Amino acid sequence: MAGEHSRLVVTDEDRQSEEYQAARYAYELGKAVRERRLELGLTQVELARRSGMTQSQLSRLEAGGAEPTIRVLDRLARALDASLSVKLVPRAV
């Protein structure tokens, strides 16, 4: 039927999957990097140069399509004049 779009349905079971969680973390990380980059008035090219990445690598990360190493995250944090904080938080029971 012309003009109709199907809608992706994500179930609670999907949300609990390891793949879904990894994708969510990657998306949230990319969003945070992009927002900080824009706060500083940097282009992707400038931030990529500062952090030792290519523009295409940074673009993929900002889009949530990459799972960077701690080393890359540290370089990004320094390039964004930020500190890197990685922590484990107990789940509410």
Protein backbone atom coordinates (compact mmCIF):
# COMPACT_ATOMS: atom_id res chain seq x y z
CA MET A 1 0.00 0.00 0.00
CA ALA A 2 1.55 3.22 -1.18
CA GLY A 3 2.45 5.78 1.43
CA GLU A 4 2.31 3.41 4.40
CA HIS A 5 5.31 2.81 6.59
CA SER A 6 5.91 -0.05 8.93
CA ARG A 7 6.94 0.80 12.45
CA LEU A 8 9.68 -1.05 14.30
CA VAL A 9 8.35 -2.60 17.49
CA VAL A 10 10.88 -3.11 20.27
CA THR A 11 9.74 -5.52 22.94
CA ASP A 12 10.84 -5.60 26.59
CA GLU A 13 12.70 -8.79 25.76
CA ASP A 14 14.57 -6.96 22.97
CA ARG A 15 15.51 -4.17 25.38
CA GLN A 16 17.10 -6.70 27.72
CA SER A 17 19.31 -8.22 25.04
CA GLU A 18 23.05 -7.65 25.10
CA GLU A 19 22.99 -6.35 21.52
CA TYR A 20 20.29 -3.77 22.29
CA GLN A 21 22.16 -2.54 25.36
CA ALA A 22 25.43 -2.24 23.43
CA ALA A 23 23.68 -0.26 20.69
CA ARG A 24 22.05 2.01 23.28
CA TYR A 25 25.39 2.70 24.98
CA ALA A 26 27.05 3.40 21.62
CA TYR A 27 24.24 5.80 20.68
CA GLU A 28 24.38 7.63 24.03
CA LEU A 29 28.16 7.93 23.86
CA GLY A 30 28.05 9.25 20.31
CA LYS A 31 25.38 11.77 21.25
CA ALA A 32 27.45 13.00 24.22
CA VAL A 33 30.56 13.41 22.05
CA ARG A 34 28.63 15.29 19.38
CA GLU A 35 26.95 17.60 21.91
CA ARG A 36 30.28 18.43 23.59
CA ARG A 37 31.96 18.98 20.21
CA LEU A 38 29.22 21.41 19.21
CA GLU A 39 29.42 23.20 22.60
CA LEU A 40 33.09 23.85 21.85
CA GLY A 41 32.34 24.97 18.29
CA LEU A 42 34.49 22.24 16.75
CA THR A 43 33.94 20.54 13.42
CA GLN A 44 34.29 16.78 13.10
CA VAL A 45 37.53 17.35 11.21
CA GLU A 46 38.97 19.46 14.03
CA LEU A 47 37.98 17.01 16.76
CA ALA A 48 39.20 14.05 14.74
CA ARG A 49 42.60 15.72 14.30
CA ARG A 50 42.82 16.59 18.01
CA SER A 51 41.97 13.04 19.07
CA GLY A 52 44.06 11.14 16.52
CA MET A 53 41.08 9.82 14.56
CA THR A 54 39.87 10.24 11.02
CA GLN A 55 36.74 12.28 10.33
CA SER A 56 34.94 9.14 9.13
CA GLN A 57 35.81 7.28 12.36
CA LEU A 58 34.49 10.18 14.42
CA SER A 59 31.35 10.42 12.29
CA ARG A 60 30.65 6.71 12.80
CA LEU A 61 31.22 7.07 16.56
CA GLU A 62 28.89 10.09 16.81
CA ALA A 63 26.22 8.14 14.93
CA GLY A 64 26.43 5.30 17.46
CA GLY A 65 28.06 2.90 15.05
CA ALA A 66 31.29 2.29 16.94
CA GLU A 67 32.38 0.82 20.25
CA PRO A 68 35.62 2.65 21.06
CA THR A 69 38.37 1.40 23.33
CA ILE A 70 39.16 3.08 26.64
CA ARG A 71 42.29 4.52 25.01
CA VAL A 72 40.20 6.19 22.27
CA LEU A 73 37.70 7.46 24.85
CA ASP A 74 40.55 8.98 26.85
CA ARG A 75 41.94 10.76 23.78
CA LEU A 76 38.46 12.04 22.92
CA ALA A 77 37.90 13.30 26.46
CA ARG A 78 41.19 15.22 26.43
CA ALA A 79 40.44 16.63 22.96
CA LEU A 80 37.02 17.76 24.24
CA ASP A 81 38.54 19.39 27.34
CA ALA A 82 36.64 16.90 29.48
CA SER A 83 37.42 14.10 31.89
CA LEU A 84 36.55 10.48 31.27
CA SER A 85 34.52 8.75 33.95
CA VAL A 86 33.71 5.06 33.73
CA LYS A 87 31.80 3.56 36.60
CA LEU A 88 29.65 0.61 37.54
CA VAL A 89 26.43 1.46 39.30
CA PRO A 90 24.53 -1.24 41.20
CA ARG A 91 21.04 -1.89 39.86
CA ALA A 92 18.06 -1.00 41.99
CA VAL A 93 16.52 -4.10 43.48
